[in-house]
């Protein structure tokens, strides 16, 4: 993992997330972040040379929760677009970090309006579109945000679906003898999906690889 671009703050702690997992697999998040060092990144601290040399720029909504990191994120996205990067976004809705759900939806919609690729969970799809049906939700998403070229909907044990250039590619959930912990599975999915895109793999192969990796 490259440390290039990492900024240190001697006076602010790193944000911590405490996760409580229920018997049915649902999770409840509590955060130690008021503010955390990540929320204090400024636009002037954005490493322009790192972004200029990138192929894909990935960002999420947690850096849109407030200033100054929101302005830093907006600058980074603009730099990435100017550099010709593919823009990847994860809504990653965490209600405790927002002043209100209305503010969360506004900023998530901004992110959706900037990206080429999105990884969105079933509950986030419902939050943004009001649709419980994945196909209907993805269609509404792509109609509202014509910049979207690829939509990945993840639904835990129900599997995942990629929507790309009129294709609908379904990947069933993988069972490895029971679920132990799901935190980080979505990030793993996204990381492997981006890696597959960089390698020029076909969508169905990328989806299979990303699903296996996140299950592990």
N, C-alpha and C. Protein backbone atom coordinates (compact mmCIF):
# COMPACT_ATOMS: atom_id res chain seq x y z
N UNK A 1 0.85 -1.19 0.00
CA UNK A 1 0.00 0.00 0.00
C UNK A 1 0.88 1.23 0.00
N UNK A 2 0.71 2.08 -0.99
CA UNK A 2 1.51 3.28 -1.08
C UNK A 2 1.11 4.29 -0.01
N UNK A 3 2.09 4.92 0.59
CA UNK A 3 1.86 5.96 1.59
C UNK A 3 1.95 7.35 0.97
N UNK A 4 2.15 7.42 -0.35
CA UNK A 4 2.27 8.70 -1.03
C UNK A 4 0.99 9.52 -0.82
N UNK A 5 1.17 10.76 -0.46
CA UNK A 5 0.01 11.63 -0.28
C UNK A 5 -0.57 11.61 1.11
N UNK A 6 -0.09 10.74 1.98
CA UNK A 6 -0.59 10.69 3.35
C UNK A 6 -0.20 11.95 4.11
N UNK A 7 -1.17 12.56 4.80
CA UNK A 7 -0.93 13.78 5.56
C UNK A 7 -1.13 13.46 7.04
N UNK A 8 -0.18 13.90 7.87
CA UNK A 8 -0.26 13.65 9.30
C UNK A 8 -0.73 14.89 10.05
N UNK A 9 -1.48 14.68 11.10
CA UNK A 9 -1.92 15.77 11.98
C UNK A 9 -1.58 15.37 13.41
N UNK A 10 -0.70 16.12 14.03
CA UNK A 10 -0.21 15.75 15.36
C UNK A 10 -1.24 15.96 16.45
N UNK A 11 -2.32 16.67 16.14
CA UNK A 11 -3.28 17.04 17.17
C UNK A 11 -4.65 16.35 17.03
N UNK A 12 -4.81 15.55 16.01
CA UNK A 12 -6.12 14.93 15.76
C UNK A 12 -6.00 13.42 15.66
N UNK A 13 -6.97 12.72 16.23
CA UNK A 13 -6.94 11.26 16.22
C UNK A 13 -7.47 10.71 14.89
N UNK A 14 -7.10 9.49 14.62
CA UNK A 14 -7.66 8.78 13.47
C UNK A 14 -9.07 8.33 13.83
N UNK A 15 -10.00 8.54 12.91
CA UNK A 15 -11.38 8.12 13.15
C UNK A 15 -11.45 6.61 13.41
N UNK A 16 -12.24 6.22 14.39
CA UNK A 16 -12.46 4.81 14.70
C UNK A 16 -13.93 4.47 14.50
N UNK A 17 -14.18 3.27 14.01
CA UNK A 17 -15.55 2.79 13.86
C UNK A 17 -15.73 1.55 14.72
N UNK A 18 -16.78 1.55 15.53
CA UNK A 18 -17.13 0.39 16.37
C UNK A 18 -18.37 -0.25 15.76
N UNK A 19 -18.27 -1.54 15.48
CA UNK A 19 -19.34 -2.23 14.76
C UNK A 19 -19.95 -3.32 15.64
N UNK A 20 -21.26 -3.23 15.82
CA UNK A 20 -22.00 -4.26 16.53
C UNK A 20 -22.79 -5.07 15.51
N UNK A 21 -22.56 -6.37 15.50
CA UNK A 21 -23.23 -7.23 14.54
C UNK A 21 -24.33 -8.04 15.21
N UNK A 22 -25.54 -7.94 14.68
CA UNK A 22 -26.67 -8.68 15.22
C UNK A 22 -26.64 -10.12 14.70
N UNK A 23 -27.48 -10.97 15.31
CA UNK A 23 -27.50 -12.39 14.93
C UNK A 23 -27.90 -12.59 13.47
N UNK A 24 -28.74 -11.67 12.94
CA UNK A 24 -29.17 -11.80 11.55
C UNK A 24 -28.18 -11.18 10.56
N UNK A 25 -27.04 -10.68 11.07
CA UNK A 25 -26.02 -10.11 10.20
C UNK A 25 -26.08 -8.61 10.05
N UNK A 26 -27.19 -7.99 10.49
CA UNK A 26 -27.28 -6.53 10.42
C UNK A 26 -26.23 -5.90 11.32
N UNK A 27 -25.76 -4.70 10.94
CA UNK A 27 -24.70 -4.05 11.71
C UNK A 27 -25.15 -2.68 12.19
N UNK A 28 -24.63 -2.29 13.34
CA UNK A 28 -24.87 -0.96 13.89
C UNK A 28 -23.51 -0.30 14.11
N UNK A 29 -23.33 0.89 13.51
CA UNK A 29 -22.04 1.57 13.57
C UNK A 29 -22.06 2.71 14.58
N UNK A 30 -20.98 2.82 15.34
CA UNK A 30 -20.74 3.99 16.19
C UNK A 30 -19.35 4.50 15.83
N UNK A 31 -19.21 5.84 15.76
CA UNK A 31 -17.96 6.41 15.29
C UNK A 31 -17.31 7.32 16.34
N UNK A 32 -15.99 7.26 16.40
CA UNK A 32 -15.17 8.15 17.22
C UNK A 32 -14.56 9.15 16.25
N UNK A 33 -15.31 10.25 16.00
CA UNK A 33 -14.91 11.17 14.94
C UNK A 33 -15.63 12.50 15.12
N UNK A 34 -15.02 13.43 15.88
CA UNK A 34 -15.69 14.72 16.06
C UNK A 34 -14.69 15.83 16.37
N UNK A 35 -13.81 16.19 15.42
CA UNK A 35 -13.64 15.49 14.14
C UNK A 35 -12.48 14.51 14.21
N UNK A 36 -12.41 13.61 13.27
CA UNK A 36 -11.25 12.75 13.08
C UNK A 36 -10.30 13.42 12.11
N UNK A 37 -9.06 12.94 12.06
CA UNK A 37 -8.07 13.54 11.17
C UNK A 37 -8.53 13.53 9.72
N UNK A 38 -9.25 12.47 9.31
CA UNK A 38 -9.69 12.38 7.92
C UNK A 38 -10.62 13.53 7.53
N UNK A 39 -11.39 14.04 8.49
CA UNK A 39 -12.34 15.10 8.21
C UNK A 39 -11.68 16.46 8.14
N UNK A 40 -10.38 16.54 8.44
CA UNK A 40 -9.67 17.81 8.49
C UNK A 40 -8.78 18.05 7.27
N UNK A 41 -8.79 17.11 6.32
CA UNK A 41 -8.01 17.30 5.09
C UNK A 41 -8.50 18.54 4.36
N UNK A 42 -7.58 19.40 3.96
CA UNK A 42 -7.94 20.63 3.25
C UNK A 42 -7.65 20.51 1.76
N UNK A 43 -8.24 21.42 0.99
CA UNK A 43 -8.02 21.42 -0.46
C UNK A 43 -6.55 21.63 -0.80
N UNK A 44 -5.85 22.44 0.00
CA UNK A 44 -4.44 22.70 -0.26
C UNK A 44 -3.57 21.47 -0.03
N UNK A 45 -4.08 20.52 0.75
CA UNK A 45 -3.31 19.31 1.05
C UNK A 45 -3.54 18.18 0.05
N UNK A 46 -4.45 18.38 -0.90
CA UNK A 46 -4.72 17.34 -1.90
C UNK A 46 -3.47 17.14 -2.76
N UNK A 47 -2.94 15.92 -2.86
CA UNK A 47 -1.71 15.66 -3.61
C UNK A 47 -1.96 15.62 -5.12
N UNK A 48 -1.84 16.77 -5.75
CA UNK A 48 -2.21 16.89 -7.16
C UNK A 48 -1.38 15.97 -8.04
N UNK A 49 -0.09 15.80 -7.73
CA UNK A 49 0.77 14.99 -8.58
C UNK A 49 0.39 13.51 -8.51
N UNK A 50 -0.11 13.06 -7.36
CA UNK A 50 -0.53 11.66 -7.23
C UNK A 50 -1.77 11.41 -8.09
N UNK A 51 -2.71 12.32 -8.03
CA UNK A 51 -3.93 12.18 -8.81
C UNK A 51 -3.63 12.27 -10.30
N UNK A 52 -2.72 13.17 -10.68
CA UNK A 52 -2.39 13.35 -12.09
C UNK A 52 -1.80 12.08 -12.71
N UNK A 53 -1.17 11.25 -11.87
CA UNK A 53 -0.57 10.02 -12.38
C UNK A 53 -1.46 8.79 -12.23
N UNK A 54 -2.71 8.99 -11.83
CA UNK A 54 -3.62 7.86 -11.57
C UNK A 54 -4.42 7.48 -12.81
N UNK A 55 -4.91 6.24 -12.82
CA UNK A 55 -5.81 5.77 -13.87
C UNK A 55 -7.26 5.78 -13.40
N UNK A 56 -7.45 5.45 -12.12
CA UNK A 56 -8.78 5.45 -11.53
C UNK A 56 -8.72 6.24 -10.23
N UNK A 57 -9.73 7.07 -10.00
CA UNK A 57 -9.83 7.79 -8.73
C UNK A 57 -11.11 7.34 -8.04
N UNK A 58 -10.97 6.78 -6.83
CA UNK A 58 -12.11 6.26 -6.08
C UNK A 58 -12.36 7.14 -4.87
N UNK A 59 -13.61 7.50 -4.64
CA UNK A 59 -13.95 8.30 -3.46
C UNK A 59 -15.29 7.83 -2.90
N UNK A 60 -15.58 8.26 -1.67
CA UNK A 60 -16.82 7.87 -1.02
C UNK A 60 -17.48 9.06 -0.36
N UNK A 61 -18.63 8.81 0.26
CA UNK A 61 -19.39 9.91 0.85
C UNK A 61 -18.85 10.34 2.21
N UNK A 62 -18.01 9.52 2.85
CA UNK A 62 -17.53 9.88 4.18
C UNK A 62 -16.64 11.11 4.15
N UNK A 63 -16.07 11.43 2.99
CA UNK A 63 -15.28 12.66 2.88
C UNK A 63 -16.13 13.81 2.35
N UNK A 64 -17.45 13.63 2.37
CA UNK A 64 -18.36 14.70 1.96
C UNK A 64 -19.25 15.16 3.12
N UNK A 65 -18.98 14.64 4.32
CA UNK A 65 -19.86 14.91 5.46
C UNK A 65 -19.74 16.32 5.99
N UNK A 66 -18.65 17.02 5.69
CA UNK A 66 -18.49 18.39 6.18
C UNK A 66 -17.18 19.00 5.70
N UNK A 67 -16.98 20.25 6.07
CA UNK A 67 -15.75 20.96 5.68
C UNK A 67 -14.67 20.77 6.75
N UNK A 68 -13.38 20.82 6.34
CA UNK A 68 -12.88 21.20 5.02
C UNK A 68 -12.71 20.04 4.04
N UNK A 69 -12.96 18.79 4.50
CA UNK A 69 -12.67 17.65 3.64
C UNK A 69 -13.61 17.57 2.43
N UNK A 70 -14.81 18.17 2.54
CA UNK A 70 -15.71 18.16 1.39
C UNK A 70 -15.10 18.95 0.23
N UNK A 71 -14.55 20.13 0.53
CA UNK A 71 -13.91 20.93 -0.51
C UNK A 71 -12.67 20.22 -1.06
N UNK A 72 -11.95 19.52 -0.19
CA UNK A 72 -10.79 18.75 -0.64
C UNK A 72 -11.21 17.66 -1.61
N UNK A 73 -12.32 17.00 -1.30
CA UNK A 73 -12.84 15.94 -2.17
C UNK A 73 -13.29 16.51 -3.50
N UNK A 74 -13.99 17.62 -3.47
CA UNK A 74 -14.46 18.25 -4.70
C UNK A 74 -13.28 18.65 -5.59
N UNK A 75 -12.23 19.17 -4.98
CA UNK A 75 -11.04 19.51 -5.75
C UNK A 75 -10.39 18.27 -6.34
N UNK A 76 -10.28 17.21 -5.53
CA UNK A 76 -9.65 15.98 -6.01
C UNK A 76 -10.43 15.38 -7.17
N UNK A 77 -11.75 15.40 -7.10
CA UNK A 77 -12.58 14.87 -8.17
C UNK A 77 -12.37 15.68 -9.45
N UNK A 78 -12.31 17.00 -9.32
CA UNK A 78 -12.09 17.86 -10.49
C UNK A 78 -10.72 17.59 -11.11
N UNK A 79 -9.70 17.42 -10.27
CA UNK A 79 -8.36 17.11 -10.76
C UNK A 79 -8.34 15.76 -11.47
N UNK A 80 -9.03 14.79 -10.90
CA UNK A 80 -9.07 13.45 -11.49
C UNK A 80 -9.74 13.47 -12.86
N UNK A 81 -10.83 14.23 -12.95
CA UNK A 81 -11.52 14.33 -14.24
C UNK A 81 -10.62 14.99 -15.28
N UNK A 82 -9.92 16.06 -14.87
CA UNK A 82 -9.02 16.76 -15.78
C UNK A 82 -7.87 15.86 -16.23
N UNK A 83 -7.47 14.93 -15.35
CA UNK A 83 -6.37 14.02 -15.68
C UNK A 83 -6.83 12.83 -16.51
N UNK A 84 -8.13 12.73 -16.77
CA UNK A 84 -8.65 11.63 -17.57
C UNK A 84 -8.85 10.34 -16.80
N UNK A 85 -8.91 10.43 -15.48
CA UNK A 85 -9.13 9.23 -14.65
C UNK A 85 -10.56 8.71 -14.81
N UNK A 86 -10.72 7.41 -14.63
CA UNK A 86 -12.05 6.84 -14.40
C UNK A 86 -12.43 7.19 -12.97
N UNK A 87 -13.64 7.69 -12.76
CA UNK A 87 -14.09 8.08 -11.42
C UNK A 87 -15.00 7.00 -10.85
N UNK A 88 -14.64 6.50 -9.68
CA UNK A 88 -15.39 5.44 -9.00
C UNK A 88 -15.90 5.98 -7.67
N UNK A 89 -17.16 5.64 -7.33
CA UNK A 89 -17.79 6.21 -6.13
C UNK A 89 -18.50 5.14 -5.32
N UNK A 90 -18.41 5.25 -4.00
CA UNK A 90 -19.13 4.38 -3.06
C UNK A 90 -19.96 5.27 -2.15
N UNK A 91 -21.30 5.25 -2.24
CA UNK A 91 -22.14 6.08 -1.37
C UNK A 91 -21.89 5.83 0.11
N UNK A 92 -21.68 4.57 0.48
CA UNK A 92 -21.27 4.19 1.84
C UNK A 92 -22.03 4.98 2.91
N UNK A 93 -23.34 4.87 2.89
CA UNK A 93 -24.19 5.63 3.81
C UNK A 93 -23.98 5.20 5.26
N UNK A 94 -23.57 6.15 6.10
CA UNK A 94 -23.40 5.93 7.54
C UNK A 94 -24.14 7.07 8.25
N UNK A 95 -25.43 6.91 8.54
CA UNK A 95 -26.26 8.00 9.09
C UNK A 95 -25.67 8.73 10.30
N UNK A 96 -24.98 8.04 11.25
CA UNK A 96 -24.46 8.78 12.42
C UNK A 96 -23.47 9.89 12.08
N UNK A 97 -22.87 9.84 10.88
CA UNK A 97 -21.86 10.83 10.51
C UNK A 97 -22.45 12.08 9.85
N UNK A 98 -23.76 12.08 9.63
CA UNK A 98 -24.40 13.19 8.93
C UNK A 98 -25.27 14.01 9.87
N UNK A 99 -25.36 15.31 9.58
CA UNK A 99 -26.25 16.17 10.34
C UNK A 99 -27.69 15.80 10.12
N UNK A 100 -28.01 15.35 8.90
CA UNK A 100 -29.37 14.91 8.57
C UNK A 100 -29.30 13.99 7.36
N UNK A 101 -30.33 13.18 7.18
CA UNK A 101 -30.38 12.30 6.01
C UNK A 101 -30.59 13.10 4.73
N UNK A 102 -31.22 14.27 4.84
CA UNK A 102 -31.40 15.12 3.67
C UNK A 102 -30.04 15.60 3.15
N UNK A 103 -29.16 15.97 4.09
CA UNK A 103 -27.82 16.39 3.72
C UNK A 103 -27.04 15.22 3.11
N UNK A 104 -27.23 14.04 3.69
CA UNK A 104 -26.56 12.85 3.16
C UNK A 104 -26.99 12.58 1.73
N UNK A 105 -28.29 12.65 1.46
CA UNK A 105 -28.78 12.39 0.10
C UNK A 105 -28.26 13.43 -0.88
N UNK A 106 -28.21 14.69 -0.45
CA UNK A 106 -27.72 15.76 -1.33
C UNK A 106 -26.27 15.50 -1.74
N UNK A 107 -25.43 15.15 -0.78
CA UNK A 107 -24.01 14.93 -1.08
C UNK A 107 -23.78 13.62 -1.83
N UNK A 108 -24.55 12.59 -1.50
CA UNK A 108 -24.44 11.33 -2.24
C UNK A 108 -24.86 11.54 -3.69
N UNK A 109 -25.91 12.32 -3.90
CA UNK A 109 -26.34 12.62 -5.27
C UNK A 109 -25.25 13.39 -6.02
N UNK A 110 -24.55 14.27 -5.30
CA UNK A 110 -23.43 14.98 -5.96
C UNK A 110 -22.38 13.97 -6.42
N UNK A 111 -22.02 13.04 -5.54
CA UNK A 111 -21.04 12.03 -5.91
C UNK A 111 -21.49 11.19 -7.08
N UNK A 112 -22.77 10.81 -7.08
CA UNK A 112 -23.31 10.01 -8.19
C UNK A 112 -23.27 10.79 -9.50
N UNK A 113 -23.38 12.10 -9.40
CA UNK A 113 -23.34 12.93 -10.60
C UNK A 113 -21.94 13.14 -11.16
N UNK A 114 -20.92 12.70 -10.42
CA UNK A 114 -19.54 12.90 -10.84
C UNK A 114 -18.89 11.64 -11.42
N UNK A 115 -19.39 10.47 -11.03
CA UNK A 115 -18.62 9.24 -11.27
C UNK A 115 -19.02 8.51 -12.55
N UNK A 116 -18.12 7.63 -12.97
CA UNK A 116 -18.37 6.73 -14.10
C UNK A 116 -18.86 5.37 -13.60
N UNK A 117 -18.35 4.97 -12.42
CA UNK A 117 -18.63 3.66 -11.84
C UNK A 117 -19.11 3.84 -10.41
N UNK A 118 -20.14 3.10 -10.01
CA UNK A 118 -20.60 3.17 -8.63
C UNK A 118 -20.81 1.76 -8.08
N UNK A 119 -20.40 1.58 -6.82
CA UNK A 119 -20.73 0.36 -6.07
C UNK A 119 -21.74 0.79 -5.02
N UNK A 120 -22.96 0.27 -5.12
CA UNK A 120 -24.03 0.71 -4.23
C UNK A 120 -24.72 -0.51 -3.63
N UNK A 121 -24.92 -0.50 -2.32
CA UNK A 121 -25.57 -1.62 -1.65
C UNK A 121 -27.08 -1.53 -1.83
N UNK A 122 -27.76 -2.62 -1.50
CA UNK A 122 -29.22 -2.65 -1.66
C UNK A 122 -29.91 -1.58 -0.82
N UNK A 123 -29.46 -1.37 0.43
CA UNK A 123 -30.10 -0.37 1.26
C UNK A 123 -29.79 1.05 0.80
N UNK A 124 -28.60 1.25 0.23
CA UNK A 124 -28.27 2.57 -0.33
C UNK A 124 -29.06 2.85 -1.59
N UNK A 125 -29.28 1.81 -2.39
CA UNK A 125 -30.10 1.96 -3.60
C UNK A 125 -31.52 2.37 -3.23
N UNK A 126 -32.06 1.77 -2.18
CA UNK A 126 -33.38 2.13 -1.68
C UNK A 126 -33.39 3.57 -1.19
N UNK A 127 -32.34 3.96 -0.47
CA UNK A 127 -32.24 5.32 0.07
C UNK A 127 -32.23 6.36 -1.04
N UNK A 128 -31.51 6.09 -2.11
CA UNK A 128 -31.34 7.07 -3.19
C UNK A 128 -32.53 7.07 -4.14
N UNK A 129 -33.05 5.89 -4.48
CA UNK A 129 -34.07 5.80 -5.54
C UNK A 129 -35.47 5.50 -5.02
N UNK A 130 -35.58 4.97 -3.79
CA UNK A 130 -36.89 4.57 -3.27
C UNK A 130 -37.35 3.23 -3.81
N UNK A 131 -36.47 2.52 -4.52
CA UNK A 131 -36.83 1.24 -5.14
C UNK A 131 -36.23 0.07 -4.37
N UNK A 132 -37.06 -0.95 -4.13
CA UNK A 132 -36.57 -2.19 -3.54
C UNK A 132 -36.15 -3.19 -4.62
N UNK A 133 -36.72 -3.03 -5.82
CA UNK A 133 -36.35 -3.89 -6.95
C UNK A 133 -35.02 -3.39 -7.53
N UNK A 134 -34.03 -4.27 -7.60
CA UNK A 134 -32.70 -3.86 -8.03
C UNK A 134 -32.68 -3.34 -9.46
N UNK A 135 -33.38 -4.04 -10.35
CA UNK A 135 -33.40 -3.61 -11.76
C UNK A 135 -34.03 -2.24 -11.90
N UNK A 136 -35.14 -2.03 -11.22
CA UNK A 136 -35.83 -0.74 -11.30
C UNK A 136 -34.97 0.36 -10.69
N UNK A 137 -34.33 0.04 -9.57
CA UNK A 137 -33.47 1.03 -8.91
C UNK A 137 -32.27 1.41 -9.77
N UNK A 138 -31.63 0.41 -10.37
CA UNK A 138 -30.47 0.68 -11.23
C UNK A 138 -30.87 1.49 -12.45
N UNK A 139 -32.03 1.16 -13.03
CA UNK A 139 -32.52 1.90 -14.20
C UNK A 139 -32.79 3.35 -13.83
N UNK A 140 -33.43 3.58 -12.69
CA UNK A 140 -33.71 4.94 -12.24
C UNK A 140 -32.41 5.70 -12.00
N UNK A 141 -31.44 5.02 -11.42
CA UNK A 141 -30.14 5.63 -11.13
C UNK A 141 -29.46 6.09 -12.43
N UNK A 142 -29.47 5.22 -13.44
CA UNK A 142 -28.79 5.53 -14.69
C UNK A 142 -29.56 6.57 -15.51
N UNK A 143 -30.86 6.63 -15.32
CA UNK A 143 -31.65 7.68 -15.97
C UNK A 143 -31.37 9.04 -15.34
N UNK A 144 -31.28 9.05 -14.00
CA UNK A 144 -31.06 10.30 -13.29
C UNK A 144 -29.63 10.81 -13.45
N UNK A 145 -28.68 9.86 -13.57
CA UNK A 145 -27.27 10.23 -13.68
C UNK A 145 -26.70 9.59 -14.95
N UNK A 146 -26.89 10.24 -16.11
CA UNK A 146 -26.46 9.66 -17.39
C UNK A 146 -24.94 9.50 -17.50
N UNK A 147 -24.18 10.10 -16.58
CA UNK A 147 -22.73 9.92 -16.56
C UNK A 147 -22.32 8.52 -16.15
N UNK A 148 -23.22 7.79 -15.46
CA UNK A 148 -22.90 6.45 -14.98
C UNK A 148 -22.76 5.47 -16.13
N UNK A 149 -21.61 4.82 -16.19
CA UNK A 149 -21.36 3.82 -17.22
C UNK A 149 -21.52 2.40 -16.69
N UNK A 150 -21.29 2.24 -15.38
CA UNK A 150 -21.38 0.90 -14.78
C UNK A 150 -21.91 1.04 -13.36
N UNK A 151 -22.94 0.26 -13.05
CA UNK A 151 -23.54 0.26 -11.72
C UNK A 151 -23.41 -1.14 -11.12
N UNK A 152 -22.78 -1.23 -9.96
CA UNK A 152 -22.70 -2.50 -9.22
C UNK A 152 -23.63 -2.42 -8.02
N UNK A 153 -24.62 -3.30 -7.97
CA UNK A 153 -25.51 -3.38 -6.82
C UNK A 153 -25.12 -4.62 -6.02
N UNK A 154 -24.77 -4.42 -4.74
CA UNK A 154 -24.40 -5.54 -3.89
C UNK A 154 -25.49 -5.76 -2.84
N UNK A 155 -25.81 -7.03 -2.60
CA UNK A 155 -26.91 -7.34 -1.69
C UNK A 155 -26.57 -8.51 -0.77
N UNK A 156 -25.35 -8.56 -0.29
CA UNK A 156 -24.97 -9.58 0.67
C UNK A 156 -25.21 -10.98 0.17
N UNK A 157 -25.95 -11.76 0.95
CA UNK A 157 -26.20 -13.16 0.61
C UNK A 157 -27.00 -13.33 -0.67
N UNK A 158 -27.70 -12.26 -1.09
CA UNK A 158 -28.46 -12.33 -2.34
C UNK A 158 -27.58 -12.20 -3.57
N UNK A 159 -26.31 -11.88 -3.37
CA UNK A 159 -25.39 -11.76 -4.49
C UNK A 159 -25.22 -10.32 -4.95
N UNK A 160 -24.74 -10.16 -6.16
CA UNK A 160 -24.49 -8.84 -6.72
C UNK A 160 -24.84 -8.83 -8.20
N UNK A 161 -25.12 -7.62 -8.70
CA UNK A 161 -25.51 -7.46 -10.10
C UNK A 161 -24.74 -6.27 -10.68
N UNK A 162 -24.16 -6.46 -11.85
CA UNK A 162 -23.50 -5.38 -12.57
C UNK A 162 -24.37 -4.99 -13.77
N UNK A 163 -24.59 -3.70 -13.93
CA UNK A 163 -25.33 -3.16 -15.07
C UNK A 163 -24.35 -2.36 -15.91
N UNK A 164 -24.16 -2.79 -17.18
CA UNK A 164 -23.14 -2.17 -18.01
C UNK A 164 -23.50 -2.30 -19.48
N UNK A 165 -23.65 -1.16 -20.16
CA UNK A 165 -23.93 -1.11 -21.60
C UNK A 165 -25.07 -2.04 -22.00
N UNK A 166 -26.15 -1.99 -21.24
CA UNK A 166 -27.32 -2.81 -21.54
C UNK A 166 -27.27 -4.22 -21.01
N UNK A 167 -26.12 -4.61 -20.46
CA UNK A 167 -25.98 -5.95 -19.88
C UNK A 167 -26.43 -5.95 -18.43
N UNK A 168 -26.94 -7.09 -18.00
CA UNK A 168 -27.26 -7.32 -16.60
C UNK A 168 -26.55 -8.61 -16.20
N UNK A 169 -25.49 -8.48 -15.41
CA UNK A 169 -24.68 -9.64 -15.04
C UNK A 169 -24.89 -9.94 -13.56
N UNK A 170 -25.45 -11.11 -13.27
CA UNK A 170 -25.75 -11.50 -11.89
C UNK A 170 -24.71 -12.46 -11.36
N UNK A 171 -24.27 -12.23 -10.14
CA UNK A 171 -23.34 -13.12 -9.44
C UNK A 171 -23.99 -13.56 -8.14
N UNK A 172 -24.31 -14.86 -7.99
CA UNK A 172 -24.95 -15.31 -6.75
C UNK A 172 -24.02 -15.16 -5.56
N UNK A 173 -24.60 -15.07 -4.38
CA UNK A 173 -23.80 -15.00 -3.16
C UNK A 173 -23.04 -16.29 -2.94
N UNK A 174 -21.88 -16.20 -2.32
CA UNK A 174 -21.04 -17.36 -2.09
C UNK A 174 -21.11 -17.79 -0.64
N UNK A 175 -21.28 -19.07 -0.41
CA UNK A 175 -21.35 -19.59 0.95
C UNK A 175 -20.06 -20.33 1.27
N UNK A 176 -19.43 -19.92 2.36
CA UNK A 176 -18.18 -20.56 2.78
C UNK A 176 -18.34 -21.21 4.15
N UNK A 177 -19.55 -21.67 4.43
CA UNK A 177 -19.77 -22.32 5.71
C UNK A 177 -20.30 -21.40 6.77
N UNK A 178 -20.88 -20.28 6.37
CA UNK A 178 -21.46 -19.35 7.33
C UNK A 178 -20.75 -18.01 7.36
N UNK A 179 -21.49 -16.97 7.66
CA UNK A 179 -20.93 -15.62 7.71
C UNK A 179 -20.38 -15.33 9.10
N UNK A 180 -19.15 -14.88 9.16
CA UNK A 180 -18.52 -14.53 10.43
C UNK A 180 -18.56 -13.03 10.65
N UNK A 181 -18.14 -12.27 9.64
CA UNK A 181 -18.07 -10.81 9.75
C UNK A 181 -18.14 -10.21 8.35
N UNK A 182 -18.99 -9.23 8.15
CA UNK A 182 -19.18 -8.65 6.81
C UNK A 182 -18.51 -7.29 6.66
N UNK A 183 -18.06 -6.69 7.75
CA UNK A 183 -17.45 -5.37 7.66
C UNK A 183 -16.20 -5.41 6.78
N UNK A 184 -16.15 -4.53 5.79
CA UNK A 184 -15.02 -4.49 4.86
C UNK A 184 -15.25 -5.28 3.59
N UNK A 185 -16.32 -6.08 3.55
CA UNK A 185 -16.58 -6.88 2.35
C UNK A 185 -16.86 -5.99 1.13
N UNK A 186 -17.61 -4.91 1.36
CA UNK A 186 -17.91 -4.01 0.25
C UNK A 186 -16.68 -3.31 -0.28
N UNK A 187 -15.78 -2.92 0.63
CA UNK A 187 -14.53 -2.28 0.22
C UNK A 187 -13.66 -3.26 -0.56
N UNK A 188 -13.62 -4.51 -0.10
CA UNK A 188 -12.86 -5.54 -0.81
C UNK A 188 -13.44 -5.75 -2.21
N UNK A 189 -14.77 -5.82 -2.30
CA UNK A 189 -15.44 -5.97 -3.58
C UNK A 189 -15.01 -4.85 -4.53
N UNK A 190 -15.07 -3.62 -4.05
CA UNK A 190 -14.73 -2.47 -4.89
C UNK A 190 -13.27 -2.51 -5.32
N UNK A 191 -12.38 -2.84 -4.39
CA UNK A 191 -10.96 -2.90 -4.71
C UNK A 191 -10.66 -3.91 -5.81
N UNK A 192 -11.25 -5.08 -5.70
CA UNK A 192 -11.02 -6.11 -6.71
C UNK A 192 -11.70 -5.76 -8.03
N UNK A 193 -12.85 -5.11 -7.95
CA UNK A 193 -13.52 -4.71 -9.19
C UNK A 193 -12.66 -3.69 -9.94
N UNK A 194 -12.11 -2.72 -9.22
CA UNK A 194 -11.25 -1.73 -9.84
C UNK A 194 -10.00 -2.39 -10.42
N UNK A 195 -9.42 -3.34 -9.69
CA UNK A 195 -8.25 -4.05 -10.19
C UNK A 195 -8.57 -4.79 -11.48
N UNK A 196 -9.75 -5.43 -11.54
CA UNK A 196 -10.16 -6.13 -12.76
C UNK A 196 -10.35 -5.19 -13.93
N UNK A 197 -10.91 -4.00 -13.66
CA UNK A 197 -11.08 -3.00 -14.71
C UNK A 197 -9.72 -2.58 -15.27
N UNK A 198 -8.74 -2.37 -14.39
CA UNK A 198 -7.40 -1.96 -14.81
C UNK A 198 -6.74 -3.04 -15.67
N UNK A 199 -7.09 -4.30 -15.41
CA UNK A 199 -6.52 -5.42 -16.18
C UNK A 199 -7.28 -5.67 -17.48
N UNK A 200 -8.38 -4.94 -17.69
CA UNK A 200 -9.15 -5.10 -18.92
C UNK A 200 -9.97 -6.37 -18.98
N UNK A 201 -10.32 -6.92 -17.82
CA UNK A 201 -11.10 -8.16 -17.78
C UNK A 201 -12.56 -7.89 -18.16
N UNK A 202 -13.26 -8.94 -18.62
CA UNK A 202 -14.68 -8.82 -18.93
C UNK A 202 -15.47 -8.68 -17.64
N UNK A 203 -16.63 -8.01 -17.73
CA UNK A 203 -17.41 -7.68 -16.55
C UNK A 203 -17.78 -8.92 -15.75
N UNK A 204 -18.21 -10.00 -16.41
CA UNK A 204 -18.65 -11.18 -15.65
C UNK A 204 -17.49 -11.81 -14.89
N UNK A 205 -16.27 -11.73 -15.45
CA UNK A 205 -15.10 -12.27 -14.76
C UNK A 205 -14.72 -11.38 -13.57
N UNK A 206 -14.81 -10.06 -13.77
CA UNK A 206 -14.50 -9.14 -12.67
C UNK A 206 -15.47 -9.36 -11.52
N UNK A 207 -16.75 -9.48 -11.84
CA UNK A 207 -17.78 -9.63 -10.82
C UNK A 207 -17.57 -10.91 -10.02
N UNK A 208 -17.20 -11.98 -10.71
CA UNK A 208 -16.94 -13.25 -10.04
C UNK A 208 -15.74 -13.12 -9.10
N UNK A 209 -14.66 -12.50 -9.58
CA UNK A 209 -13.46 -12.33 -8.77
C UNK A 209 -13.75 -11.45 -7.54
N UNK A 210 -14.45 -10.33 -7.77
CA UNK A 210 -14.74 -9.41 -6.66
C UNK A 210 -15.64 -10.07 -5.62
N UNK A 211 -16.59 -10.88 -6.07
CA UNK A 211 -17.50 -11.55 -5.14
C UNK A 211 -16.77 -12.59 -4.30
N UNK A 212 -15.88 -13.35 -4.94
CA UNK A 212 -15.11 -14.35 -4.20
C UNK A 212 -14.20 -13.69 -3.17
N UNK A 213 -13.56 -12.61 -3.57
CA UNK A 213 -12.65 -11.92 -2.66
C UNK A 213 -13.40 -11.34 -1.46
N UNK A 214 -14.55 -10.73 -1.71
CA UNK A 214 -15.31 -10.14 -0.61
C UNK A 214 -15.88 -11.21 0.30
N UNK A 215 -16.23 -12.38 -0.26
CA UNK A 215 -16.72 -13.48 0.58
C UNK A 215 -15.62 -13.98 1.52
N UNK A 216 -14.41 -14.07 0.98
CA UNK A 216 -13.28 -14.49 1.81
C UNK A 216 -13.01 -13.47 2.91
